[in-house]
C-alpha atoms as a PDB file:
ATOM      1  CA  MET A   1     -30.203 -92.727 -64.144  1.00  0.00           C
ATOM      2  CA  MET A   2     -30.693 -89.446 -62.341  1.00  0.00           C
ATOM      3  CA  PHE A   3     -32.153 -91.173 -59.268  1.00  0.00           C
ATOM      4  CA  ASN A   4     -28.992 -93.255 -58.671  1.00  0.00           C
ATOM      5  CA  GLY A   5     -27.316 -92.713 -55.338  1.00  0.00           C
ATOM      6  CA  THR A   6     -27.864 -92.723 -51.613  1.00  0.00           C
ATOM      7  CA  TRP A   7     -30.325 -90.147 -50.320  1.00  0.00           C
ATOM      8  CA  LYS A   8     -30.872 -89.118 -46.686  1.00  0.00           C
ATOM      9  CA  ALA A   9     -34.156 -87.638 -45.461  1.00  0.00           C
ATOM     10  CA  ASP A  10     -33.780 -83.956 -44.675  1.00  0.00           C
ATOM     11  CA  ARG A  11     -37.332 -82.906 -43.867  1.00  0.00           C
ATOM     12  CA  GLY A  12     -40.962 -83.763 -44.448  1.00  0.00           C
ATOM     13  CA  GLU A  13     -44.362 -82.192 -44.860  1.00  0.00           C
ATOM     14  CA  ASN A  14     -47.517 -83.721 -43.359  1.00  0.00           C
ATOM     15  CA  ILE A  15     -45.797 -87.087 -42.758  1.00  0.00           C
ATOM     16  CA  ASP A  16     -47.459 -87.781 -39.383  1.00  0.00           C
ATOM     17  CA  GLN A  17     -50.960 -87.104 -40.736  1.00  0.00           C
ATOM     18  CA  PHE A  18     -50.240 -89.260 -43.781  1.00  0.00           C
ATOM     19  CA  MET A  19     -49.012 -92.178 -41.673  1.00  0.00           C
ATOM     20  CA  GLU A  20     -51.990 -91.816 -39.349  1.00  0.00           C
ATOM     21  CA  LYS A  21     -54.336 -92.036 -42.358  1.00  0.00           C
ATOM     22  CA  MET A  22     -52.424 -95.149 -43.485  1.00  0.00           C
ATOM     23  CA  GLY A  23     -53.249 -96.690 -40.091  1.00  0.00           C
ATOM     24  CA  VAL A  24     -49.742 -96.535 -38.604  1.00  0.00           C
ATOM     25  CA  ASN A  25     -49.960 -96.513 -34.798  1.00  0.00           C
ATOM     26  CA  ALA A  26     -48.641 -93.604 -32.722  1.00  0.00           C
ATOM     27  CA  MET A  27     -45.511 -95.429 -31.502  1.00  0.00           C
ATOM     28  CA  MET A  28     -44.474 -96.384 -35.053  1.00  0.00           C
ATOM     29  CA  ARG A  29     -45.154 -92.817 -36.248  1.00  0.00           C
ATOM     30  CA  LYS A  30     -42.915 -91.427 -33.494  1.00  0.00           C
ATOM     31  CA  LEU A  31     -40.119 -93.864 -34.435  1.00  0.00           C
ATOM     32  CA  ALA A  32     -40.464 -92.874 -38.084  1.00  0.00           C
ATOM     33  CA  GLU A  33     -40.397 -89.173 -37.199  1.00  0.00           C
ATOM     34  CA  ASN A  34     -37.054 -89.588 -35.424  1.00  0.00           C
ATOM     35  CA  ASN A  35     -35.569 -91.889 -38.062  1.00  0.00           C
ATOM     36  CA  LYS A  36     -33.364 -90.137 -40.618  1.00  0.00           C
ATOM     37  CA  LEU A  37     -34.493 -92.435 -43.405  1.00  0.00           C
ATOM     38  CA  GLU A  38     -31.872 -93.224 -45.990  1.00  0.00           C
ATOM     39  CA  ILE A  39     -32.620 -94.804 -49.358  1.00  0.00           C
ATOM     40  CA  THR A  40     -30.282 -96.068 -52.028  1.00  0.00           C
ATOM     41  CA  ILE A  41     -31.565 -96.187 -55.579  1.00  0.00           C
ATOM     42  CA  ALA A  42     -29.656 -98.100 -58.243  1.00  0.00           C
ATOM     43  CA  GLN A  43     -30.943 -98.124 -61.810  1.00  0.00           C
ATOM     44  CA  THR A  44     -29.229-101.036 -63.520  1.00  0.00           C
ATOM     45  CA  ASP A  45     -30.656-100.550 -67.026  1.00  0.00           C
ATOM     46  CA  ASP A  46     -33.438 -98.632 -68.783  1.00  0.00           C
ATOM     47  CA  VAL A  47     -36.227-100.316 -66.783  1.00  0.00           C
ATOM     48  CA  THR A  48     -34.746-102.074 -63.740  1.00  0.00           C
ATOM     49  CA  PHE A  49     -34.272-100.529 -60.292  1.00  0.00           C
ATOM     50  CA  LYS A  50     -33.127-101.712 -56.884  1.00  0.00           C
ATOM     51  CA  VAL A  51     -34.138 -99.629 -53.869  1.00  0.00           C
ATOM     52  CA  THR A  52     -32.634-100.305 -50.441  1.00  0.00           C
ATOM     53  CA  GLU A  53     -34.106 -98.713 -47.318  1.00  0.00           C
ATOM     54  CA  PRO A  54     -32.398 -99.538 -44.023  1.00  0.00           C
ATOM     55  CA  SER A  55     -34.408 -98.327 -41.037  1.00  0.00           C
ATOM     56  CA  ILE A  56     -34.724 -98.709 -37.292  1.00  0.00           C
ATOM     57  CA  LEU A  57     -37.166-101.566 -37.809  1.00  0.00           C
ATOM     58  CA  ARG A  58     -35.541-103.543 -40.638  1.00  0.00           C
ATOM     59  CA  LYS A  59     -33.707-103.295 -43.928  1.00  0.00           C
ATOM     60  CA  ARG A  60     -35.933-103.499 -46.975  1.00  0.00           C
ATOM     61  CA  GLU A  61     -34.758-104.221 -50.499  1.00  0.00           C
ATOM     62  CA  ASN A  62     -37.003-103.950 -53.482  1.00  0.00           C
ATOM     63  CA  GLU A  63     -36.135-104.781 -57.071  1.00  0.00           C
ATOM     64  CA  PHE A  64     -38.577-103.938 -59.817  1.00  0.00           C
ATOM     65  CA  SER A  65     -38.907-103.265 -63.521  1.00  0.00           C
ATOM     66  CA  LEU A  66     -40.899-100.289 -64.767  1.00  0.00           C
ATOM     67  CA  GLY A  67     -44.446-101.197 -65.747  1.00  0.00           C
ATOM     68  CA  VAL A  68     -44.285-104.684 -64.211  1.00  0.00           C
ATOM     69  CA  PRO A  69     -46.639-105.332 -61.260  1.00  0.00           C
ATOM     70  CA  PHE A  70     -45.109-106.680 -58.040  1.00  0.00           C
ATOM     71  CA  ASP A  71     -46.005-107.259 -54.390  1.00  0.00           C
ATOM     72  CA  PHE A  72     -44.279-105.310 -51.640  1.00  0.00           C
ATOM     73  CA  THR A  73     -44.441-104.997 -47.853  1.00  0.00           C
ATOM     74  CA  MET A  74     -44.037-101.446 -46.585  1.00  0.00           C
ATOM     75  CA  ALA A  75     -41.983-100.558 -43.475  1.00  0.00           C
ATOM     76  CA  ASP A  76     -45.104-100.624 -41.276  1.00  0.00           C
ATOM     77  CA  GLY A  77     -46.032-104.123 -42.504  1.00  0.00           C
ATOM     78  CA  THR A  78     -48.724-103.013 -44.962  1.00  0.00           C
ATOM     79  CA  ASP A  79     -48.869-105.314 -47.988  1.00  0.00           C
ATOM     80  CA  VAL A  80     -49.392-103.630 -51.347  1.00  0.00           C
ATOM     81  CA  SER A  81     -49.381-104.612 -54.993  1.00  0.00           C
ATOM     82  CA  GLY A  82     -48.558-102.231 -57.807  1.00  0.00           C
ATOM     83  CA  TYR A  83     -46.003-100.919 -60.238  1.00  0.00           C
ATOM     84  CA  TRP A  84     -43.702 -98.004 -61.078  1.00  0.00           C
ATOM     85  CA  VAL A  85     -43.587 -96.072 -64.371  1.00  0.00           C
ATOM     86  CA  MET A  86     -41.502 -93.189 -65.649  1.00  0.00           C
ATOM     87  CA  GLU A  87     -43.403 -90.105 -66.806  1.00  0.00           C
ATOM     88  CA  GLY A  88     -40.729 -87.857 -68.263  1.00  0.00           C
ATOM     89  CA  HIS A  89     -38.242 -87.318 -65.438  1.00  0.00           C
ATOM     90  CA  THR A  90     -40.713 -88.420 -62.768  1.00  0.00           C
ATOM     91  CA  MET A  91     -40.987 -91.906 -61.289  1.00  0.00           C
ATOM     92  CA  LYS A  92     -44.589 -92.699 -60.342  1.00  0.00           C
ATOM     93  CA  GLY A  93     -45.741 -95.658 -58.276  1.00  0.00           C
ATOM     94  CA  THR A  94     -49.354 -96.761 -58.040  1.00  0.00           C
ATOM     95  CA  PHE A  95     -50.052 -99.328 -55.344  1.00  0.00           C
ATOM     96  CA  THR A  96     -53.190-101.007 -54.030  1.00  0.00           C
ATOM     97  CA  ARG A  97     -53.353-102.003 -50.379  1.00  0.00           C
ATOM     98  CA  LYS A  98     -54.189-105.668 -50.047  1.00  0.00           C
ATOM     99  CA  ASP A  99     -56.142-105.190 -46.807  1.00  0.00           C
ATOM    100  CA  ASN A 100     -58.644-102.585 -48.007  1.00  0.00           C
ATOM    101  CA  GLY A 101     -58.175-102.015 -51.756  1.00  0.00           C
ATOM    102  CA  LYS A 102     -57.331 -98.308 -51.356  1.00  0.00           C
ATOM    103  CA  ILE A 103     -54.786 -96.688 -53.671  1.00  0.00           C
ATOM    104  CA  LEU A 104     -51.426 -95.264 -52.569  1.00  0.00           C
ATOM    105  CA  THR A 105     -49.482 -93.154 -55.058  1.00  0.00           C
ATOM    106  CA  ILE A 106     -45.819 -92.264 -54.680  1.00  0.00           C
ATOM    107  CA  ILE A 107     -44.011 -89.807 -56.938  1.00  0.00           C
ATOM    108  CA  ARG A 108     -40.234 -89.399 -56.976  1.00  0.00           C
ATOM    109  CA  GLU A 109     -38.587 -86.512 -58.757  1.00  0.00           C
ATOM    110  CA  ILE A 110     -35.344 -84.590 -58.629  1.00  0.00           C
ATOM    111  CA  VAL A 111     -35.920 -80.921 -57.807  1.00  0.00           C
ATOM    112  CA  GLY A 112     -32.698 -78.917 -57.740  1.00  0.00           C
ATOM    113  CA  ASP A 113     -30.300 -81.012 -55.688  1.00  0.00           C
ATOM    114  CA  GLU A 114     -33.027 -82.886 -53.787  1.00  0.00           C
ATOM    115  CA  LEU A 115     -35.017 -86.054 -54.264  1.00  0.00           C
ATOM    116  CA  VAL A 116     -38.632 -85.184 -53.503  1.00  0.00           C
ATOM    117  CA  GLN A 117     -40.913 -88.095 -52.692  1.00  0.00           C
ATOM    118  CA  SER A 118     -44.621 -87.211 -52.676  1.00  0.00           C
ATOM    119  CA  PHE A 119     -47.336 -89.472 -51.312  1.00  0.00           C
ATOM    120  CA  ASN A 120     -51.114 -89.543 -51.606  1.00  0.00           C
ATOM    121  CA  TYR A 121     -53.396 -91.914 -49.756  1.00  0.00           C
ATOM    122  CA  ASP A 122     -57.130 -91.558 -49.279  1.00  0.00           C
ATOM    123  CA  GLY A 123     -57.070 -87.781 -49.811  1.00  0.00           C
ATOM    124  CA  VAL A 124     -54.016 -87.039 -47.623  1.00  0.00           C
ATOM    125  CA  ASP A 125     -50.832 -85.704 -49.245  1.00  0.00           C
ATOM    126  CA  ALA A 126     -47.331 -85.730 -47.772  1.00  0.00           C
ATOM    127  CA  LYS A 127     -43.760 -85.131 -48.948  1.00  0.00           C
ATOM    128  CA  ARG A 128     -40.270 -86.163 -47.934  1.00  0.00           C
ATOM    129  CA  PHE A 129     -37.214 -84.256 -49.109  1.00  0.00           C
ATOM    130  CA  PHE A 130     -33.887 -86.069 -49.413  1.00  0.00           C
ATOM    131  CA  LYS A 131     -30.329 -84.792 -49.849  1.00  0.00           C
ATOM    132  CA  LYS A 132     -27.746 -86.850 -51.714  1.00  0.00           C
ATOM    133  CA  VAL A 133     -25.154 -88.382 -49.402  1.00  0.00           C
END
């Protein structure tokens, strides 16, 4: 349950280029750049998680069980289908965009006192670093 808690975005690497590759328009990218994203992760048992992400645009809540496929709408409105698994102390999500079939991977891990969230989509990598609130 090491991911439990509320985490606030501290900095990012290559986020604008990643969002551009995902097809997010310039106005939405600018809003996202200025938004100090905050996520709350609550692991309720060995396999069940609830992730809450309030943002400028809307509050998103996502409940899932490890290894169980589910549908999800991302903050920019992109619909995906996929699942999360634990690989050691790393949480890995593999999602397929419903509009074009391309794969998005998200990796969450605790590094020191930070939550590091890494993304890969269509050959573009990005990272967000979060500090515990």
